[in-house]
Amino acid sequence: MTQKDFNRLTWGIFAVSIVLPLLVWATNLSWDFGSVSIYGFFPLLGLVAWMTMWTHYVTGALRIRNPKLVKPVHYSTVTGYLVLGCLLLHPGLLAYAQNRNGQGLPPNSYYAYTGDALRLAVMFGIISLLIFLSFEVFNRMKDRRLVRKYWWAVSLSQSLAMILIFIHGLRLGYNLQTSWFMIVWAIYGLLLLPCFYVIHREEFSKTLK
């Protein structure tokens, strides 16, 4: 694969990973955006965040398999800010709406929204958010010896968070009740597995050197 082909593939799967959640979200609203509330909007942000992070794993695995490939210009900046914004707004907007409606603050306000039967799925989301945000901290400390030495653990934690969010979405995401998007979600989840293998094998091999 040439660098040019890789650039096209990277931006292509990123575009698809934005369009697909937008499409299912808009379809479930019958393309009527005039009366969309916070409750109707915040789920979209969770889908966009996870599916954008998915592109990082796919392209990362491809670059490991072909070390000559490099990230396209601006890709990390664009997707990084998008993911961070969606990660913060997805739970933040729900917390704001619930508090405005007299449901108090998280996590109880989240439980009030989902019901007690889905507490575990909510907890998965909260844990994943904290793990993802920890990456922003560790990534800025990557030059420190201790962080660099145990970077494999940081990376492994991010993969765990991806799995937890996958389950979180299955349990809570009403957009995932749409049959075709459920298939898309499952395919994305399955494709993560070989990416996990390639990425973590490479990181463990570097640790052992």
Protein backbone atom coordinates (compact mmCIF):
# COMPACT_ATOMS: atom_id res chain seq x y z
CA MET A 1 0.00 0.00 0.00
CA THR A 2 1.36 3.41 -0.96
CA GLN A 3 1.20 6.43 1.31
CA LYS A 4 -1.29 8.04 -1.04
CA ASP A 5 -3.58 5.01 -0.88
CA PHE A 6 -3.25 4.94 2.90
CA ASN A 7 -4.18 8.61 3.15
CA ARG A 8 -7.29 8.01 1.06
CA LEU A 9 -8.22 4.94 3.11
CA THR A 10 -7.71 6.77 6.41
CA TRP A 11 -9.86 9.76 5.51
CA GLY A 12 -12.35 7.45 3.77
CA ILE A 13 -13.05 5.24 6.79
CA PHE A 14 -13.16 8.33 8.97
CA ALA A 15 -15.82 9.84 6.69
CA VAL A 16 -17.81 6.60 6.69
CA SER A 17 -17.57 6.39 10.48
CA ILE A 18 -19.13 9.86 10.73
CA VAL A 19 -21.77 9.42 8.04
CA LEU A 20 -23.14 6.09 9.29
CA PRO A 21 -24.10 7.26 12.81
CA LEU A 22 -25.45 10.51 11.36
CA LEU A 23 -27.55 8.51 8.92
CA VAL A 24 -29.09 6.18 11.51
CA TRP A 25 -29.67 9.09 13.89
CA ALA A 26 -31.38 11.19 11.21
CA THR A 27 -33.43 8.22 10.01
CA ASN A 28 -34.71 7.51 13.51
CA LEU A 29 -35.76 11.15 13.73
CA SER A 30 -37.53 10.82 10.37
CA TRP A 31 -35.19 13.62 9.21
CA ASP A 32 -37.11 16.08 11.35
CA PHE A 33 -34.50 18.09 13.24
CA GLY A 34 -36.75 20.95 14.25
CA SER A 35 -37.72 19.57 17.62
CA VAL A 36 -34.54 17.68 18.58
CA SER A 37 -33.88 17.97 22.30
CA ILE A 38 -30.70 17.29 24.24
CA TYR A 39 -32.05 13.82 24.92
CA GLY A 40 -32.38 13.24 21.22
CA PHE A 41 -28.97 14.66 20.35
CA PHE A 42 -26.51 13.38 22.97
CA PRO A 43 -26.59 9.69 21.87
CA LEU A 44 -25.21 10.66 18.45
CA LEU A 45 -22.06 12.03 20.07
CA GLY A 46 -21.30 8.71 21.75
CA LEU A 47 -21.55 6.86 18.44
CA VAL A 48 -19.33 9.36 16.66
CA ALA A 49 -16.70 9.23 19.42
CA TRP A 50 -16.44 5.43 19.48
CA MET A 51 -16.49 4.97 15.72
CA THR A 52 -13.85 7.67 15.24
CA MET A 53 -11.62 6.00 17.83
CA TRP A 54 -12.17 2.77 15.92
CA THR A 55 -10.48 4.37 12.91
CA HIS A 56 -7.40 4.99 15.07
CA TYR A 57 -7.11 1.27 15.78
CA VAL A 58 -7.57 0.23 12.17
CA THR A 59 -5.09 2.73 10.78
CA GLY A 60 -2.69 2.07 13.66
CA ALA A 61 -2.66 -1.65 12.93
CA LEU A 62 -2.07 -0.98 9.23
CA ARG A 63 0.88 1.27 10.02
CA ILE A 64 2.41 -1.39 12.23
CA ARG A 65 2.11 -3.89 9.40
CA ASN A 66 3.71 -1.37 7.04
CA PRO A 67 6.12 0.84 9.01
CA LYS A 68 6.74 3.10 6.01
CA LEU A 69 3.23 4.51 6.30
CA VAL A 70 2.65 7.65 8.37
CA LYS A 71 -0.50 9.35 9.59
CA PRO A 72 -2.06 11.76 7.10
CA VAL A 73 -1.46 15.44 7.80
CA HIS A 74 -4.03 16.90 10.23
CA TYR A 75 -5.67 13.50 10.81
CA SER A 76 -4.63 13.22 14.45
CA THR A 77 -5.57 16.83 15.19
CA VAL A 78 -8.99 16.67 13.54
CA THR A 79 -10.02 13.31 14.96
CA GLY A 80 -8.43 14.00 18.35
CA TYR A 81 -10.42 17.16 18.96
CA LEU A 82 -13.57 15.55 17.60
CA VAL A 83 -13.28 12.55 19.90
CA LEU A 84 -12.43 14.63 22.97
CA GLY A 85 -15.34 16.98 22.32
CA CYS A 86 -17.81 14.14 21.81
CA LEU A 87 -16.53 12.26 24.86
CA LEU A 88 -17.13 15.27 27.07
CA LEU A 89 -20.42 16.40 25.53
CA HIS A 90 -22.05 12.96 25.36
CA PRO A 91 -22.34 12.49 29.15
CA GLY A 92 -22.13 16.22 29.84
CA LEU A 93 -25.27 17.11 27.92
CA LEU A 94 -27.22 14.30 29.57
CA ALA A 95 -26.02 15.42 33.01
CA TYR A 96 -27.08 18.98 32.23
CA ALA A 97 -30.52 17.95 30.96
CA GLN A 98 -31.15 15.66 33.92
CA ASN A 99 -30.07 18.26 36.44
CA ARG A 100 -32.29 20.87 34.77
CA ASN A 101 -35.19 18.45 35.08
CA GLY A 102 -34.63 18.01 38.81
CA GLN A 103 -32.84 14.65 38.66
CA GLY A 104 -29.71 15.83 40.43
CA LEU A 105 -26.13 15.08 39.46
CA PRO A 106 -24.36 12.02 38.02
CA PRO A 107 -24.20 9.14 38.51
CA ASN A 108 -27.66 9.06 40.12
CA SER A 109 -29.12 11.26 37.41
CA TYR A 110 -27.86 8.78 34.83
CA TYR A 111 -29.45 5.89 36.70
CA ALA A 112 -32.70 7.83 36.84
CA TYR A 113 -32.59 8.21 33.07
CA THR A 114 -31.78 4.59 32.24
CA GLY A 115 -33.43 2.76 35.12
CA ASP A 116 -31.83 0.51 37.72
CA ALA A 117 -31.71 -2.49 35.38
CA LEU A 118 -29.08 -0.72 33.25
CA ARG A 119 -26.84 0.53 36.04
CA LEU A 120 -23.98 -1.73 34.94
CA ALA A 121 -24.09 -0.38 31.40
CA VAL A 122 -23.98 3.16 32.79
CA MET A 123 -21.01 2.25 34.97
CA PHE A 124 -19.23 0.86 31.91
CA GLY A 125 -19.69 4.23 30.26
CA ILE A 126 -18.37 6.17 33.26
CA ILE A 127 -15.35 3.89 33.65
CA SER A 128 -14.57 4.15 29.95
CA LEU A 129 -14.80 7.93 30.02
CA LEU A 130 -12.28 8.11 32.87
CA ILE A 131 -9.95 5.72 31.02
CA PHE A 132 -10.18 7.69 27.79
CA LEU A 133 -9.53 10.97 29.59
CA SER A 134 -6.54 9.42 31.37
CA PHE A 135 -5.02 8.91 27.93
CA GLU A 136 -4.97 12.67 27.43
CA VAL A 137 -2.89 12.95 30.60
CA PHE A 138 -0.53 10.05 29.91
CA ASN A 139 -0.03 11.07 26.29
CA ARG A 140 1.31 14.42 27.46
CA MET A 141 3.70 12.58 29.81
CA LYS A 142 4.86 10.03 27.26
CA ASP A 143 8.43 11.28 27.30
CA ARG A 144 8.80 10.41 30.95
CA ARG A 145 10.63 7.16 31.50
CA LEU A 146 8.06 5.52 33.76
CA VAL A 147 5.15 6.31 31.43
CA ARG A 148 7.13 5.17 28.40
CA LYS A 149 8.07 1.93 30.17
CA TYR A 150 4.45 1.08 30.97
CA TRP A 151 2.86 2.53 27.87
CA TRP A 152 1.66 -0.96 27.00
CA ALA A 153 -0.59 -0.79 30.09
CA VAL A 154 -1.98 2.59 29.03
CA SER A 155 -2.70 1.21 25.58
CA LEU A 156 -4.28 -1.93 27.00
CA SER A 157 -6.57 0.17 29.19
CA GLN A 158 -7.77 2.07 26.13
CA SER A 159 -8.67 -1.18 24.40
CA LEU A 160 -10.57 -2.27 27.50
CA ALA A 161 -12.49 1.02 27.38
CA MET A 162 -13.33 0.39 23.71
CA ILE A 163 -14.82 -2.98 24.67
CA LEU A 164 -16.79 -1.49 27.56
CA ILE A 165 -18.20 1.22 25.31
CA PHE A 166 -19.13 -1.38 22.72
CA ILE A 167 -21.22 -3.14 25.38
CA HIS A 168 -22.48 0.19 26.75
CA GLY A 169 -23.80 1.04 23.29
CA LEU A 170 -25.45 -2.34 22.82
CA ARG A 171 -27.29 -2.04 26.11
CA LEU A 172 -28.26 1.64 26.01
CA GLY A 173 -28.14 2.87 22.43
CA TYR A 174 -31.60 3.18 20.91
CA ASN A 175 -30.01 3.85 17.53
CA LEU A 176 -28.52 0.37 17.76
CA GLN A 177 -32.00 -1.06 17.72
CA THR A 178 -32.06 -0.29 14.00
CA SER A 179 -31.23 -3.61 12.35
CA TRP A 180 -28.76 -2.41 9.72
CA PHE A 181 -26.83 -0.29 12.18
CA MET A 182 -26.68 -3.15 14.64
CA ILE A 183 -24.91 -5.11 11.90
CA VAL A 184 -22.52 -2.20 11.32
CA TRP A 185 -21.79 -2.00 15.06
CA ALA A 186 -21.11 -5.74 15.20
CA ILE A 187 -18.77 -5.58 12.18
CA TYR A 188 -16.86 -2.68 13.70
CA GLY A 189 -16.54 -4.62 16.94
CA LEU A 190 -15.28 -7.76 15.24
CA LEU A 191 -12.74 -5.84 13.18
CA LEU A 192 -11.29 -4.42 16.38
CA LEU A 193 -10.11 -7.85 17.48
CA PRO A 194 -7.33 -8.32 14.89
CA CYS A 195 -6.35 -4.68 15.42
CA PHE A 196 -6.00 -5.31 19.16
CA TYR A 197 -3.83 -8.32 18.41
CA VAL A 198 -1.49 -6.48 16.03
CA ILE A 199 -1.15 -3.38 18.19
CA HIS A 200 -0.66 -5.06 21.56
CA ARG A 201 1.66 -7.73 20.19
CA GLU A 202 3.87 -4.95 18.82
CA GLU A 203 3.83 -3.07 22.12
CA PHE A 204 4.63 -6.15 24.19
CA SER A 205 7.47 -7.07 21.84
CA LYS A 206 9.00 -3.61 22.34
CA THR A 207 8.68 -3.99 26.12
CA LEU A 208 10.58 -7.27 26.06
CA LYS A 209 13.51 -5.84 24.10
